[in-house]
Amino acid sequence: MIHEISTSDTVRKPGPSAPRFPHQVQSRRHNLSKELQRYLAILGPMPKRCLETLADLGLTDPEIARYFRIPRGAVTDLRQIWNIKGEI
């Protein structure tokens, strides 16, 4: 049995002055228009990942728009902004 504890074995907690969330996790939704931001909640908690997955499955923009009942132009715009390849 090992009784020595090294510093790499301990869980490090951020201090009170540390930011609550890492910079990478912060939302980048501010660069989207208000109209496009309205449709993000419909796509779920990870809208970019959702569109990437559906595009990988071969769905087109009209099919994705019909499934979520959102305008086709919103799907096309989000895919262009996020550089998601696939059939338009």
Protein backbone atom coordinates (compact mmCIF):
# COMPACT_ATOMS: atom_id res chain seq x y z
CA MET A 1 0.00 0.00 0.00
CA ILE A 2 1.28 3.46 -0.92
CA HIS A 3 1.17 6.02 1.87
CA GLU A 4 2.93 8.88 0.14
CA ILE A 5 0.79 11.51 -1.53
CA SER A 6 2.29 13.67 -4.18
CA THR A 7 0.96 17.03 -5.27
CA SER A 8 -0.29 15.50 -8.54
CA ASP A 9 -2.66 13.26 -6.55
CA THR A 10 -4.55 16.13 -4.96
CA VAL A 11 -7.53 17.87 -6.49
CA ARG A 12 -6.81 21.49 -7.12
CA LYS A 13 -9.59 23.99 -6.55
CA PRO A 14 -9.52 27.46 -8.03
CA GLY A 15 -9.19 30.29 -5.59
CA PRO A 16 -11.81 32.98 -5.06
CA SER A 17 -10.18 35.27 -7.64
CA ALA A 18 -10.15 32.60 -10.37
CA PRO A 19 -12.78 32.89 -13.11
CA ARG A 20 -15.80 30.66 -12.65
CA PHE A 21 -15.57 29.16 -16.13
CA PRO A 22 -12.57 28.79 -18.42
CA HIS A 23 -12.36 31.30 -21.26
CA GLN A 24 -12.86 28.57 -23.87
CA VAL A 25 -16.28 27.64 -22.50
CA GLN A 26 -17.77 31.11 -22.75
CA SER A 27 -20.55 31.52 -25.26
CA ARG A 28 -19.80 32.95 -28.66
CA ARG A 29 -23.43 33.65 -29.41
CA HIS A 30 -22.91 37.41 -29.31
CA ASN A 31 -21.68 37.33 -32.92
CA LEU A 32 -25.04 35.94 -34.13
CA SER A 33 -27.98 38.12 -35.06
CA LYS A 34 -30.93 38.27 -32.67
CA GLU A 35 -33.01 36.30 -35.17
CA LEU A 36 -30.50 33.43 -35.29
CA GLN A 37 -30.13 33.42 -31.49
CA ARG A 38 -33.87 32.74 -31.19
CA TYR A 39 -33.42 29.41 -32.99
CA LEU A 40 -30.47 28.15 -30.94
CA ALA A 41 -32.66 26.99 -28.04
CA ILE A 42 -34.76 24.96 -30.47
CA LEU A 43 -31.64 23.09 -31.59
CA GLY A 44 -30.88 22.03 -28.01
CA PRO A 45 -28.10 22.67 -25.50
CA MET A 46 -25.35 22.21 -28.13
CA PRO A 47 -26.76 23.67 -31.35
CA LYS A 48 -23.51 23.58 -33.32
CA ARG A 49 -22.91 19.94 -32.45
CA CYS A 50 -26.52 19.17 -33.37
CA LEU A 51 -26.16 20.70 -36.84
CA GLU A 52 -22.80 18.99 -37.36
CA THR A 53 -24.31 15.62 -36.50
CA LEU A 54 -27.34 16.04 -38.76
CA ALA A 55 -25.12 17.23 -41.62
CA ASP A 56 -22.83 14.22 -41.11
CA LEU A 57 -25.91 12.00 -41.39
CA GLY A 58 -26.57 13.54 -44.80
CA LEU A 59 -29.59 15.70 -44.01
CA THR A 60 -30.04 18.80 -46.14
CA ASP A 61 -30.92 22.25 -44.86
CA PRO A 62 -34.61 21.92 -45.83
CA GLU A 63 -34.84 18.57 -44.03
CA ILE A 64 -33.22 19.95 -40.87
CA ALA A 65 -35.44 23.04 -40.99
CA ARG A 66 -38.56 20.93 -41.42
CA TYR A 67 -37.59 18.65 -38.51
CA PHE A 68 -37.09 21.57 -36.10
CA ARG A 69 -39.82 23.74 -37.66
CA ILE A 70 -37.49 26.67 -38.22
CA PRO A 71 -36.81 28.67 -41.42
CA ARG A 72 -34.49 27.04 -43.93
CA GLY A 73 -32.48 30.28 -44.13
CA ALA A 74 -31.66 30.07 -40.42
CA VAL A 75 -30.20 26.59 -40.85
CA THR A 76 -28.20 27.69 -43.89
CA ASP A 77 -26.91 30.80 -42.11
CA LEU A 78 -25.85 28.86 -39.00
CA ARG A 79 -24.05 26.24 -41.10
CA GLN A 80 -22.18 28.95 -42.99
CA ILE A 81 -21.23 30.83 -39.81
CA TRP A 82 -20.00 27.64 -38.12
CA ASN A 83 -18.36 26.24 -41.30
CA ILE A 84 -20.42 23.06 -41.24
CA LYS A 85 -20.03 21.18 -44.51
CA GLY A 86 -22.81 19.18 -46.12
CA GLU A 87 -25.65 19.42 -48.60
CA ILE A 88 -27.47 22.71 -48.64
